[in-house]
Each structure stands twice: as structure tokens, then as C-alpha cells.
């Protein structure tokens, strides 16, 4: 981890609804959490170096294997073991790229201080 300020951000598994937490910079550029990868996007894992994670197009989580998971109230539970993906906002030549397929309903985040 670097000396960069971070916050704990929680992401909900779209398969089973449990929550995974990861340290991220406070100036997030998150777009969505999906069950599938976006074509052509490169994903880091939560265990990758901080700089690698933030330089990727998103993060790949394995529910329950990438650190402890909880229910929405914060009680420890087991994850389902399936992958899910956090997709960052991406730009190409200054134009924001839309995910493929598009995501509807907005990202699912739970910020706690």
C-alpha cells in the first residue's frame, strides 16, 4: 500500500448479496458491478499492488476468497465462490466508454466511514 489516502469501500456480490470490502482512493471512478467481464477490459485482483489495481480497467473478485465477507449488517458470512467484476469508468481519446453490454440501474456501492 502507498502513502495515498484510502477509504474502505464495500461491493455487493451480484450472485449472492454478500459484501466484500477493499481499500480504494477516495476519488473513485467506479461504474458498475457485474457478473461478467467487459470485453477487452483488463482486471486486477484485490491482492495486486495498489498502483496495479488502480491502473486496471476494473477489479475481479472471487466472492469469499478475496478477504472476509459480511452480510449487509456487517456479520461475517461465507461467500458463494463465484467471480464478479467491478468496472471502472474508462476513457478513450477523452471520450467516456460505455460498458458492453450497458449496465442499467447504476452501480451498487455501500460507503461506510
PDB file of N, CA and C in Angstrom:
ATOM      1  N   UNK A   1       0.852  -1.174   0.000  1.00  0.00           N
ATOM      2  CA  UNK A   1       0.000   0.000   0.000  1.00  0.00           C
ATOM      3  C   UNK A   1       0.894   1.231   0.000  1.00  0.00           C
ATOM      4  N   UNK A   2       0.467   2.281  -0.632  1.00  0.00           N
ATOM      5  CA  UNK A   2       1.222   3.516  -0.703  1.00  0.00           C
ATOM      6  C   UNK A   2       0.797   4.443   0.427  1.00  0.00           C
ATOM      7  N   UNK A   3       1.411   5.627   0.459  1.00  0.00           N
ATOM      8  CA  UNK A   3       1.036   6.634   1.446  1.00  0.00           C
ATOM      9  C   UNK A   3      -0.218   7.381   1.027  1.00  0.00           C
ATOM     10  N   UNK A   4      -0.800   7.017  -0.094  1.00  0.00           N
ATOM     11  CA  UNK A   4      -2.014   7.642  -0.591  1.00  0.00           C
ATOM     12  C   UNK A   4      -3.155   7.384   0.386  1.00  0.00           C
ATOM     13  N   UNK A   5      -3.965   8.411   0.619  1.00  0.00           N
ATOM     14  CA  UNK A   5      -5.131   8.257   1.482  1.00  0.00           C
ATOM     15  C   UNK A   5      -6.095   7.262   0.852  1.00  0.00           C
ATOM     16  N   UNK A   6      -6.660   6.386   1.662  1.00  0.00           N
ATOM     17  CA  UNK A   6      -7.630   5.417   1.170  1.00  0.00           C
ATOM     18  C   UNK A   6      -8.854   5.398   2.070  1.00  0.00           C
ATOM     19  N   UNK A   7      -9.905   4.838   1.520  1.00  0.00           N
ATOM     20  CA  UNK A   7     -11.131   4.598   2.266  1.00  0.00           C
ATOM     21  C   UNK A   7     -11.528   3.149   2.032  1.00  0.00           C
ATOM     22  N   UNK A   8     -12.257   2.583   2.964  1.00  0.00           N
ATOM     23  CA  UNK A   8     -12.774   1.232   2.784  1.00  0.00           C
ATOM     24  C   UNK A   8     -14.070   1.324   2.005  1.00  0.00           C
ATOM     25  N   UNK A   9     -14.114   0.625   0.873  1.00  0.00           N
ATOM     26  CA  UNK A   9     -15.299   0.629   0.018  1.00  0.00           C
ATOM     27  C   UNK A   9     -15.844  -0.785  -0.015  1.00  0.00           C
ATOM     28  N   UNK A  10     -17.152  -0.898   0.061  1.00  0.00           N
ATOM     29  CA  UNK A  10     -17.817  -2.211   0.091  1.00  0.00           C
ATOM     30  C   UNK A  10     -18.566  -2.434  -1.204  1.00  0.00           C
ATOM     31  N   UNK A  11     -18.408  -3.636  -1.759  1.00  0.00           N
ATOM     32  CA  UNK A  11     -19.076  -4.013  -3.003  1.00  0.00           C
ATOM     33  C   UNK A  11     -19.916  -5.257  -2.751  1.00  0.00           C
ATOM     34  N   UNK A  12     -21.126  -5.256  -3.261  1.00  0.00           N
ATOM     35  CA  UNK A  12     -22.061  -6.361  -3.059  1.00  0.00           C
ATOM     36  C   UNK A  12     -21.946  -7.359  -4.202  1.00  0.00           C
ATOM     37  N   UNK A  13     -21.782  -8.633  -3.867  1.00  0.00           N
ATOM     38  CA  UNK A  13     -21.722  -9.689  -4.867  1.00  0.00           C
ATOM     39  C   UNK A  13     -23.082  -9.775  -5.563  1.00  0.00           C
ATOM     40  N   UNK A  14     -23.115  -9.669  -6.903  1.00  0.00           N
ATOM     41  CA  UNK A  14     -24.398  -9.741  -7.605  1.00  0.00           C
ATOM     42  C   UNK A  14     -24.989 -11.149  -7.658  1.00  0.00           C
ATOM     43  N   UNK A  15     -24.219 -12.155  -7.249  1.00  0.00           N
ATOM     44  CA  UNK A  15     -24.718 -13.529  -7.243  1.00  0.00           C
ATOM     45  C   UNK A  15     -25.467 -13.854  -5.948  1.00  0.00           C
ATOM     46  N   UNK A  16     -24.866 -13.475  -4.803  1.00  0.00           N
ATOM     47  CA  UNK A  16     -25.431 -13.921  -3.526  1.00  0.00           C
ATOM     48  C   UNK A  16     -25.732 -12.792  -2.534  1.00  0.00           C
ATOM     49  N   UNK A  17     -25.289 -11.573  -2.826  1.00  0.00           N
ATOM     50  CA  UNK A  17     -25.631 -10.438  -1.974  1.00  0.00           C
ATOM     51  C   UNK A  17     -24.722 -10.187  -0.793  1.00  0.00           C
ATOM     52  N   UNK A  18     -23.632 -10.964  -0.624  1.00  0.00           N
ATOM     53  CA  UNK A  18     -22.717 -10.667   0.468  1.00  0.00           C
ATOM     54  C   UNK A  18     -21.812  -9.511   0.069  1.00  0.00           C
ATOM     55  N   UNK A  19     -21.152  -8.924   1.055  1.00  0.00           N
ATOM     56  CA  UNK A  19     -20.385  -7.705   0.851  1.00  0.00           C
ATOM     57  C   UNK A  19     -18.894  -7.980   1.011  1.00  0.00           C
ATOM     58  N   UNK A  20     -18.102  -7.495   0.051  1.00  0.00           N
ATOM     59  CA  UNK A  20     -16.650  -7.575   0.077  1.00  0.00           C
ATOM     60  C   UNK A  20     -16.116  -6.165   0.246  1.00  0.00           C
ATOM     61  N   UNK A  21     -15.091  -5.988   1.071  1.00  0.00           N
ATOM     62  CA  UNK A  21     -14.501  -4.669   1.302  1.00  0.00           C
ATOM     63  C   UNK A  21     -13.096  -4.618   0.737  1.00  0.00           C
ATOM     64  N   UNK A  22     -12.714  -3.447   0.239  1.00  0.00           N
ATOM     65  CA  UNK A  22     -11.372  -3.241  -0.295  1.00  0.00           C
ATOM     66  C   UNK A  22     -10.990  -1.775  -0.062  1.00  0.00           C
ATOM     67  N   UNK A  23      -9.701  -1.529   0.144  1.00  0.00           N
ATOM     68  CA  UNK A  23      -9.205  -0.166   0.316  1.00  0.00           C
ATOM     69  C   UNK A  23      -9.026   0.472  -1.054  1.00  0.00           C
ATOM     70  N   UNK A  24      -9.588   1.667  -1.242  1.00  0.00           N
ATOM     71  CA  UNK A  24      -9.515   2.390  -2.511  1.00  0.00           C
ATOM     72  C   UNK A  24      -9.217   3.854  -2.232  1.00  0.00           C
ATOM     73  N   UNK A  25      -8.717   4.586  -3.221  1.00  0.00           N
ATOM     74  CA  UNK A  25      -8.535   6.029  -3.035  1.00  0.00           C
ATOM     75  C   UNK A  25      -9.910   6.705  -2.952  1.00  0.00           C
ATOM     76  N   UNK A  26      -9.997   7.839  -2.267  1.00  0.00           N
ATOM     77  CA  UNK A  26     -11.308   8.470  -2.088  1.00  0.00           C
ATOM     78  C   UNK A  26     -11.886   9.077  -3.366  1.00  0.00           C
ATOM     79  N   UNK A  27     -11.091   9.266  -4.405  1.00  0.00           N
ATOM     80  CA  UNK A  27     -11.592   9.815  -5.669  1.00  0.00           C
ATOM     81  C   UNK A  27     -11.899   8.675  -6.636  1.00  0.00           C
ATOM     82  N   UNK A  28     -12.952   7.941  -6.328  1.00  0.00           N
ATOM     83  CA  UNK A  28     -13.331   6.747  -7.080  1.00  0.00           C
ATOM     84  C   UNK A  28     -13.830   7.083  -8.480  1.00  0.00           C
ATOM     85  N   UNK A  29     -13.572   6.182  -9.399  1.00  0.00           N
ATOM     86  CA  UNK A  29     -14.108   6.274 -10.761  1.00  0.00           C
ATOM     87  C   UNK A  29     -14.771   4.942 -11.087  1.00  0.00           C
ATOM     88  N   UNK A  30     -15.719   4.543 -10.252  1.00  0.00           N
ATOM     89  CA  UNK A  30     -16.392   3.260 -10.406  1.00  0.00           C
ATOM     90  C   UNK A  30     -17.652   3.424 -11.248  1.00  0.00           C
ATOM     91  N   UNK A  31     -17.892   2.449 -12.119  1.00  0.00           N
ATOM     92  CA  UNK A  31     -19.076   2.484 -12.965  1.00  0.00           C
ATOM     93  C   UNK A  31     -20.118   1.473 -12.517  1.00  0.00           C
ATOM     94  N   UNK A  32     -19.712   0.206 -12.364  1.00  0.00           N
ATOM     95  CA  UNK A  32     -20.708  -0.829 -12.097  1.00  0.00           C
ATOM     96  C   UNK A  32     -20.059  -2.070 -11.517  1.00  0.00           C
ATOM     97  N   UNK A  33     -20.898  -2.928 -10.961  1.00  0.00           N
ATOM     98  CA  UNK A  33     -20.504  -4.267 -10.522  1.00  0.00           C
ATOM     99  C   UNK A  33     -21.323  -5.237 -11.357  1.00  0.00           C
ATOM    100  N   UNK A  34     -20.632  -6.175 -12.037  1.00  0.00           N
ATOM    101  CA  UNK A  34     -21.310  -7.085 -12.952  1.00  0.00           C
ATOM    102  C   UNK A  34     -20.895  -8.528 -12.703  1.00  0.00           C
ATOM    103  N   UNK A  35     -21.696  -9.443 -13.242  1.00  0.00           N
ATOM    104  CA  UNK A  35     -21.393 -10.868 -13.141  1.00  0.00           C
ATOM    105  C   UNK A  35     -20.386 -11.313 -14.193  1.00  0.00           C
ATOM    106  N   UNK A  36     -20.214 -10.517 -15.241  1.00  0.00           N
ATOM    107  CA  UNK A  36     -19.315 -10.879 -16.346  1.00  0.00           C
ATOM    108  C   UNK A  36     -18.329  -9.751 -16.612  1.00  0.00           C
ATOM    109  N   UNK A  37     -17.204 -10.115 -17.225  1.00  0.00           N
ATOM    110  CA  UNK A  37     -16.213  -9.115 -17.612  1.00  0.00           C
ATOM    111  C   UNK A  37     -16.746  -8.282 -18.770  1.00  0.00           C
ATOM    112  N   UNK A  38     -16.177  -7.116 -18.929  1.00  0.00           N
ATOM    113  CA  UNK A  38     -16.470  -6.294 -20.099  1.00  0.00           C
ATOM    114  C   UNK A  38     -15.464  -6.668 -21.184  1.00  0.00           C
ATOM    115  N   UNK A  39     -15.895  -6.909 -22.405  1.00  0.00           N
ATOM    116  CA  UNK A  39     -14.987  -7.343 -23.468  1.00  0.00           C
ATOM    117  C   UNK A  39     -13.825  -6.377 -23.662  1.00  0.00           C
ATOM    118  N   UNK A  40     -12.614  -6.935 -23.635  1.00  0.00           N
ATOM    119  CA  UNK A  40     -11.415  -6.144 -23.874  1.00  0.00           C
ATOM    120  C   UNK A  40     -10.885  -5.402 -22.660  1.00  0.00           C
ATOM    121  N   UNK A  41     -11.547  -5.496 -21.522  1.00  0.00           N
ATOM    122  CA  UNK A  41     -11.099  -4.783 -20.335  1.00  0.00           C
ATOM    123  C   UNK A  41     -10.150  -5.672 -19.541  1.00  0.00           C
ATOM    124  N   UNK A  42      -9.149  -5.059 -18.914  1.00  0.00           N
ATOM    125  CA  UNK A  42      -8.190  -5.787 -18.094  1.00  0.00           C
ATOM    126  C   UNK A  42      -8.519  -5.580 -16.620  1.00  0.00           C
ATOM    127  N   UNK A  43      -8.554  -6.685 -15.885  1.00  0.00           N
ATOM    128  CA  UNK A  43      -8.932  -6.640 -14.481  1.00  0.00           C
ATOM    129  C   UNK A  43      -7.757  -7.017 -13.594  1.00  0.00           C
ATOM    130  N   UNK A  44      -7.613  -6.301 -12.503  1.00  0.00           N
ATOM    131  CA  UNK A  44      -6.648  -6.635 -11.460  1.00  0.00           C
ATOM    132  C   UNK A  44      -7.410  -7.395 -10.377  1.00  0.00           C
ATOM    133  N   UNK A  45      -6.684  -7.921  -9.403  1.00  0.00           N
ATOM    134  CA  UNK A  45      -7.314  -8.573  -8.258  1.00  0.00           C
ATOM    135  C   UNK A  45      -7.101  -7.704  -7.021  1.00  0.00           C
ATOM    136  N   UNK A  46      -7.899  -7.891  -5.984  1.00  0.00           N
ATOM    137  CA  UNK A  46      -7.702  -7.122  -4.762  1.00  0.00           C
ATOM    138  C   UNK A  46      -6.328  -7.338  -4.129  1.00  0.00           C
ATOM    139  N   UNK A  47      -5.667  -8.474  -4.437  1.00  0.00           N
ATOM    140  CA  UNK A  47      -4.340  -8.751  -3.887  1.00  0.00           C
ATOM    141  C   UNK A  47      -3.211  -8.098  -4.666  1.00  0.00           C
ATOM    142  N   UNK A  48      -3.489  -7.569  -5.854  1.00  0.00           N
ATOM    143  CA  UNK A  48      -2.453  -6.896  -6.637  1.00  0.00           C
ATOM    144  C   UNK A  48      -1.995  -5.635  -5.913  1.00  0.00           C
ATOM    145  N   UNK A  49      -0.811  -5.157  -6.289  1.00  0.00           N
ATOM    146  CA  UNK A  49      -0.292  -3.912  -5.715  1.00  0.00           C
ATOM    147  C   UNK A  49      -1.290  -2.779  -5.959  1.00  0.00           C
ATOM    148  N   UNK A  50      -1.334  -1.843  -5.025  1.00  0.00           N
ATOM    149  CA  UNK A  50      -2.277  -0.726  -5.075  1.00  0.00           C
ATOM    150  C   UNK A  50      -2.231  -0.020  -6.429  1.00  0.00           C
ATOM    151  N   UNK A  51      -1.045   0.291  -6.934  1.00  0.00           N
ATOM    152  CA  UNK A  51      -0.906   1.008  -8.196  1.00  0.00           C
ATOM    153  C   UNK A  51      -1.455   0.184  -9.362  1.00  0.00           C
ATOM    154  N   UNK A  52      -1.211  -1.122  -9.362  1.00  0.00           N
ATOM    155  CA  UNK A  52      -1.720  -2.008 -10.415  1.00  0.00           C
ATOM    156  C   UNK A  52      -3.244  -2.053 -10.393  1.00  0.00           C
ATOM    157  N   UNK A  53      -3.799  -2.154  -9.191  1.00  0.00           N
ATOM    158  CA  UNK A  53      -5.264  -2.196  -9.076  1.00  0.00           C
ATOM    159  C   UNK A  53      -5.901  -0.940  -9.656  1.00  0.00           C
ATOM    160  N   UNK A  54      -5.373   0.211  -9.319  1.00  0.00           N
ATOM    161  CA  UNK A  54      -5.988   1.461  -9.741  1.00  0.00           C
ATOM    162  C   UNK A  54      -5.703   1.795 -11.198  1.00  0.00           C
ATOM    163  N   UNK A  55      -4.690   1.172 -11.804  1.00  0.00           N
ATOM    164  CA  UNK A  55      -4.376   1.401 -13.218  1.00  0.00           C
ATOM    165  C   UNK A  55      -5.169   0.476 -14.137  1.00  0.00           C
ATOM    166  N   UNK A  56      -5.768  -0.569 -13.589  1.00  0.00           N
ATOM    167  CA  UNK A  56      -6.535  -1.535 -14.386  1.00  0.00           C
ATOM    168  C   UNK A  56      -7.868  -0.924 -14.812  1.00  0.00           C
ATOM    169  N   UNK A  57      -8.608  -1.666 -15.626  1.00  0.00           N
ATOM    170  CA  UNK A  57      -9.943  -1.240 -16.057  1.00  0.00           C
ATOM    171  C   UNK A  57     -11.004  -1.597 -15.025  1.00  0.00           C
ATOM    172  N   UNK A  58     -10.616  -2.425 -14.051  1.00  0.00           N
ATOM    173  CA  UNK A  58     -11.549  -2.841 -13.014  1.00  0.00           C
ATOM    174  C   UNK A  58     -10.904  -3.884 -12.121  1.00  0.00           C
ATOM    175  N   UNK A  59     -11.692  -4.404 -11.185  1.00  0.00           N
ATOM    176  CA  UNK A  59     -11.216  -5.424 -10.259  1.00  0.00           C
ATOM    177  C   UNK A  59     -12.053  -6.687 -10.415  1.00  0.00           C
ATOM    178  N   UNK A  60     -11.377  -7.831 -10.340  1.00  0.00           N
ATOM    179  CA  UNK A  60     -12.059  -9.118 -10.343  1.00  0.00           C
ATOM    180  C   UNK A  60     -12.042  -9.659  -8.927  1.00  0.00           C
ATOM    181  N   UNK A  61     -13.215  -9.939  -8.387  1.00  0.00           N
ATOM    182  CA  UNK A  61     -13.349 -10.521  -7.062  1.00  0.00           C
ATOM    183  C   UNK A  61     -13.803 -11.972  -7.189  1.00  0.00           C
ATOM    184  N   UNK A  62     -13.354 -12.814  -6.283  1.00  0.00           N
ATOM    185  CA  UNK A  62     -13.911 -14.143  -6.109  1.00  0.00           C
ATOM    186  C   UNK A  62     -14.614 -14.092  -4.755  1.00  0.00           C
ATOM    187  N   UNK A  63     -15.918 -14.168  -4.761  1.00  0.00           N
ATOM    188  CA  UNK A  63     -16.725 -13.968  -3.563  1.00  0.00           C
ATOM    189  C   UNK A  63     -16.311 -14.928  -2.446  1.00  0.00           C
ATOM    190  N   UNK A  64     -15.842 -14.373  -1.342  1.00  0.00           N
ATOM    191  CA  UNK A  64     -15.445 -15.155  -0.182  1.00  0.00           C
ATOM    192  C   UNK A  64     -13.993 -15.559  -0.172  1.00  0.00           C
ATOM    193  N   UNK A  65     -13.289 -15.414  -1.298  1.00  0.00           N
ATOM    194  CA  UNK A  65     -11.887 -15.804  -1.366  1.00  0.00           C
ATOM    195  C   UNK A  65     -10.941 -14.611  -1.341  1.00  0.00           C
ATOM    196  N   UNK A  66     -11.451 -13.413  -1.594  1.00  0.00           N
ATOM    197  CA  UNK A  66     -10.627 -12.211  -1.609  1.00  0.00           C
ATOM    198  C   UNK A  66     -10.813 -11.423  -0.319  1.00  0.00           C
ATOM    199  N   UNK A  67     -10.627 -12.107   0.799  1.00  0.00           N
ATOM    200  CA  UNK A  67     -10.786 -11.473   2.092  1.00  0.00           C
ATOM    201  C   UNK A  67     -12.133 -11.807   2.694  1.00  0.00           C
ATOM    202  N   UNK A  68     -12.347 -11.362   3.915  1.00  0.00           N
ATOM    203  CA  UNK A  68     -13.600 -11.679   4.609  1.00  0.00           C
ATOM    204  C   UNK A  68     -14.790 -10.988   3.947  1.00  0.00           C
ATOM    205  N   UNK A  69     -15.934 -11.648   4.027  1.00  0.00           N
ATOM    206  CA  UNK A  69     -17.173 -11.073   3.515  1.00  0.00           C
ATOM    207  C   UNK A  69     -18.196 -11.030   4.637  1.00  0.00           C
ATOM    208  N   UNK A  70     -19.141 -10.112   4.501  1.00  0.00           N
ATOM    209  CA  UNK A  70     -20.162  -9.929   5.531  1.00  0.00           C
ATOM    210  C   UNK A  70     -21.531  -9.822   4.873  1.00  0.00           C
ATOM    211  N   UNK A  71     -22.563  -9.899   5.715  1.00  0.00           N
ATOM    212  CA  UNK A  71     -23.888  -9.561   5.220  1.00  0.00           C
ATOM    213  C   UNK A  71     -24.017  -8.043   5.283  1.00  0.00           C
ATOM    214  N   UNK A  72     -25.163  -7.512   4.922  1.00  0.00           N
ATOM    215  CA  UNK A  72     -25.332  -6.058   4.883  1.00  0.00           C
ATOM    216  C   UNK A  72     -25.241  -5.408   6.250  1.00  0.00           C
ATOM    217  N   UNK A  73     -25.442  -6.180   7.320  1.00  0.00           N
ATOM    218  CA  UNK A  73     -25.351  -5.643   8.674  1.00  0.00           C
ATOM    219  C   UNK A  73     -23.944  -5.744   9.239  1.00  0.00           C
ATOM    220  N   UNK A  74     -23.024  -6.357   8.488  1.00  0.00           N
ATOM    221  CA  UNK A  74     -21.632  -6.457   8.946  1.00  0.00           C
ATOM    222  C   UNK A  74     -21.275  -7.760   9.634  1.00  0.00           C
ATOM    223  N   UNK A  75     -22.211  -8.721   9.692  1.00  0.00           N
ATOM    224  CA  UNK A  75     -21.933 -10.018  10.304  1.00  0.00           C
ATOM    225  C   UNK A  75     -21.156 -10.899   9.329  1.00  0.00           C
ATOM    226  N   UNK A  76     -20.142 -11.592   9.821  1.00  0.00           N
ATOM    227  CA  UNK A  76     -19.318 -12.454   8.988  1.00  0.00           C
ATOM    228  C   UNK A  76     -20.142 -13.606   8.413  1.00  0.00           C
ATOM    229  N   UNK A  77     -19.999 -13.847   7.107  1.00  0.00           N
ATOM    230  CA  UNK A  77     -20.694 -14.934   6.402  1.00  0.00           C
ATOM    231  C   UNK A  77     -19.728 -15.544   5.389  1.00  0.00           C
ATOM    232  N   UNK A  78     -20.149 -16.630   4.772  1.00  0.00           N
ATOM    233  CA  UNK A  78     -19.353 -17.245   3.718  1.00  0.00           C
ATOM    234  C   UNK A  78     -19.821 -16.718   2.366  1.00  0.00           C
ATOM    235  N   UNK A  79     -18.874 -16.540   1.444  1.00  0.00           N
ATOM    236  CA  UNK A  79     -19.221 -16.132   0.092  1.00  0.00           C
ATOM    237  C   UNK A  79     -19.589 -17.330  -0.759  1.00  0.00           C
ATOM    238  N   UNK A  80     -20.069 -17.059  -1.965  1.00  0.00           N
ATOM    239  CA  UNK A  80     -20.523 -18.127  -2.864  1.00  0.00           C
ATOM    240  C   UNK A  80     -19.404 -18.693  -3.733  1.00  0.00           C
ATOM    241  N   UNK A  81     -18.226 -18.060  -3.747  1.00  0.00           N
ATOM    242  CA  UNK A  81     -17.099 -18.561  -4.520  1.00  0.00           C
ATOM    243  C   UNK A  81     -17.138 -18.219  -5.998  1.00  0.00           C
ATOM    244  N   UNK A  82     -18.133 -17.453  -6.433  1.00  0.00           N
ATOM    245  CA  UNK A  82     -18.235 -17.099  -7.851  1.00  0.00           C
ATOM    246  C   UNK A  82     -17.558 -15.749  -8.117  1.00  0.00           C
ATOM    247  N   UNK A  83     -17.058 -15.553  -9.347  1.00  0.00           N
ATOM    248  CA  UNK A  83     -16.420 -14.275  -9.667  1.00  0.00           C
ATOM    249  C   UNK A  83     -17.448 -13.183  -9.933  1.00  0.00           C
ATOM    250  N   UNK A  84     -17.053 -11.951  -9.607  1.00  0.00           N
ATOM    251  CA  UNK A  84     -17.812 -10.779 -10.028  1.00  0.00           C
ATOM    252  C   UNK A  84     -16.818  -9.662 -10.270  1.00  0.00           C
ATOM    253  N   UNK A  85     -17.260  -8.623 -10.971  1.00  0.00           N
ATOM    254  CA  UNK A  85     -16.334  -7.638 -11.515  1.00  0.00           C
ATOM    255  C   UNK A  85     -16.772  -6.218 -11.191  1.00  0.00           C
ATOM    256  N   UNK A  86     -15.830  -5.434 -10.689  1.00  0.00           N
ATOM    257  CA  UNK A  86     -16.014  -4.003 -10.504  1.00  0.00           C
ATOM    258  C   UNK A  86     -15.434  -3.346 -11.742  1.00  0.00           C
ATOM    259  N   UNK A  87     -16.240  -2.581 -12.442  1.00  0.00           N
ATOM    260  CA  UNK A  87     -15.815  -1.921 -13.671  1.00  0.00           C
ATOM    261  C   UNK A  87     -15.611  -0.440 -13.403  1.00  0.00           C
ATOM    262  N   UNK A  88     -14.423   0.047 -13.707  1.00  0.00           N
ATOM    263  CA  UNK A  88     -14.120   1.461 -13.541  1.00  0.00           C
ATOM    264  C   UNK A  88     -14.633   2.233 -14.757  1.00  0.00           C
ATOM    265  N   UNK A  89     -14.777   3.535 -14.596  1.00  0.00           N
ATOM    266  CA  UNK A  89     -15.064   4.405 -15.725  1.00  0.00           C
ATOM    267  C   UNK A  89     -13.811   4.415 -16.597  1.00  0.00           C
ATOM    268  N   UNK A  90     -13.992   4.238 -17.915  1.00  0.00           N
ATOM    269  CA  UNK A  90     -12.861   4.235 -18.854  1.00  0.00           C
ATOM    270  C   UNK A  90     -13.038   5.329 -19.895  1.00  0.00           C
ATOM    271  N   UNK A  91     -11.885   5.831 -20.355  1.00  0.00           N
ATOM    272  CA  UNK A  91     -11.881   6.857 -21.391  1.00  0.00           C
ATOM    273  C   UNK A  91     -10.969   6.425 -22.524  1.00  0.00           C
ATOM    274  N   UNK A  92     -11.352   6.777 -23.736  1.00  0.00           N
ATOM    275  CA  UNK A  92     -10.503   6.570 -24.897  1.00  0.00           C
ATOM    276  C   UNK A  92     -10.510   7.868 -25.687  1.00  0.00           C
ATOM    277  N   UNK A  93      -9.323   8.474 -25.819  1.00  0.00           N
ATOM    278  CA  UNK A  93      -9.178   9.754 -26.523  1.00  0.00           C
ATOM    279  C   UNK A  93     -10.104  10.804 -25.928  1.00  0.00           C
ATOM    280  N   UNK A  94     -10.224  10.797 -24.598  1.00  0.00           N
ATOM    281  CA  UNK A  94     -11.013  11.794 -23.892  1.00  0.00           C
ATOM    282  C   UNK A  94     -12.507  11.551 -23.884  1.00  0.00           C
ATOM    283  N   UNK A  95     -12.970  10.451 -24.480  1.00  0.00           N
ATOM    284  CA  UNK A  95     -14.400  10.147 -24.522  1.00  0.00           C
ATOM    285  C   UNK A  95     -14.678   8.968 -23.597  1.00  0.00           C
ATOM    286  N   UNK A  96     -15.662   9.133 -22.720  1.00  0.00           N
ATOM    287  CA  UNK A  96     -16.021   8.046 -21.802  1.00  0.00           C
ATOM    288  C   UNK A  96     -16.610   6.885 -22.581  1.00  0.00           C
ATOM    289  N   UNK A  97     -16.079   5.676 -22.322  1.00  0.00           N
ATOM    290  CA  UNK A  97     -16.552   4.469 -22.986  1.00  0.00           C
ATOM    291  C   UNK A  97     -17.703   3.861 -22.202  1.00  0.00           C
ATOM    292  N   UNK A  98     -18.707   3.405 -22.909  1.00  0.00           N
ATOM    293  CA  UNK A  98     -19.819   2.705 -22.289  1.00  0.00           C
ATOM    294  C   UNK A  98     -19.455   1.239 -22.138  1.00  0.00           C
ATOM    295  N   UNK A  99     -19.863   0.602 -21.041  1.00  0.00           N
ATOM    296  CA  UNK A  99     -19.628  -0.830 -20.914  1.00  0.00           C
ATOM    297  C   UNK A  99     -20.435  -1.596 -21.953  1.00  0.00           C
ATOM    298  N   UNK A 100     -19.994  -2.792 -22.257  1.00  0.00           N
ATOM    299  CA  UNK A 100     -20.680  -3.623 -23.230  1.00  0.00           C
ATOM    300  C   UNK A 100     -20.976  -4.968 -22.601  1.00  0.00           C
ATOM    301  N   UNK A 101     -22.163  -5.375 -22.283  1.00  0.00           N
ATOM    302  CA  UNK A 101     -23.384  -4.633 -22.550  1.00  0.00           C
ATOM    303  C   UNK A 101     -23.557  -3.505 -21.545  1.00  0.00           C
ATOM    304  N   UNK A 102     -24.398  -2.524 -21.869  1.00  0.00           N
ATOM    305  CA  UNK A 102     -24.611  -1.411 -20.952  1.00  0.00           C
ATOM    306  C   UNK A 102     -25.168  -1.902 -19.618  1.00  0.00           C
ATOM    307  N   UNK A 103     -24.841  -1.195 -18.560  1.00  0.00           N
ATOM    308  CA  UNK A 103     -25.377  -1.533 -17.246  1.00  0.00           C
ATOM    309  C   UNK A 103     -26.512  -0.569 -16.924  1.00  0.00           C
ATOM    310  N   UNK A 104     -27.562  -1.088 -16.383  1.00  0.00           N
ATOM    311  CA  UNK A 104     -28.718  -0.273 -16.039  1.00  0.00           C
ATOM    312  C   UNK A 104     -28.933  -0.304 -14.539  1.00  0.00           C
ATOM    313  N   UNK A 105     -29.504   0.763 -14.028  1.00  0.00           N
ATOM    314  CA  UNK A 105     -29.798   0.821 -12.607  1.00  0.00           C
ATOM    315  C   UNK A 105     -28.662   1.365 -11.777  1.00  0.00           C
ATOM    316  N   UNK A 106     -27.531   1.665 -12.366  1.00  0.00           N
ATOM    317  CA  UNK A 106     -26.429   2.274 -11.655  1.00  0.00           C
ATOM    318  C   UNK A 106     -25.615   1.291 -10.835  1.00  0.00           C
ATOM    319  N   UNK A 107     -24.465   1.745 -10.388  1.00  0.00           N
ATOM    320  CA  UNK A 107     -23.591   0.888  -9.582  1.00  0.00           C
ATOM    321  C   UNK A 107     -24.186   0.624  -8.205  1.00  0.00           C
ATOM    322  N   UNK A 108     -23.747  -0.471  -7.589  1.00  0.00           N
ATOM    323  CA  UNK A 108     -24.207  -0.810  -6.244  1.00  0.00           C
ATOM    324  C   UNK A 108     -23.027  -0.671  -5.299  1.00  0.00           C
ATOM    325  N   UNK A 109     -22.995   0.397  -4.540  1.00  0.00           N
ATOM    326  CA  UNK A 109     -21.908   0.680  -3.615  1.00  0.00           C
ATOM    327  C   UNK A 109     -22.481   0.895  -2.220  1.00  0.00           C
ATOM    328  N   UNK A 110     -21.693   0.637  -1.223  1.00  0.00           N
ATOM    329  CA  UNK A 110     -22.086   0.896   0.153  1.00  0.00           C
ATOM    330  C   UNK A 110     -20.877   1.538   0.833  1.00  0.00           C
ATOM    331  N   UNK A 111     -20.879   2.852   0.973  1.00  0.00           N
ATOM    332  CA  UNK A 111     -19.746   3.561   1.578  1.00  0.00           C
ATOM    333  C   UNK A 111     -19.974   3.677   3.082  1.00  0.00           C
ATOM    334  N   UNK A 112     -18.985   3.290   3.837  1.00  0.00           N
ATOM    335  CA  UNK A 112     -19.033   3.444   5.295  1.00  0.00           C
ATOM    336  C   UNK A 112     -17.817   4.224   5.739  1.00  0.00           C
ATOM    337  N   UNK A 113     -18.000   5.080   6.710  1.00  0.00           N
ATOM    338  CA  UNK A 113     -16.863   5.831   7.238  1.00  0.00           C
ATOM    339  C   UNK A 113     -16.410   5.240   8.539  1.00  0.00           C
TER     340      UNK A 113
END
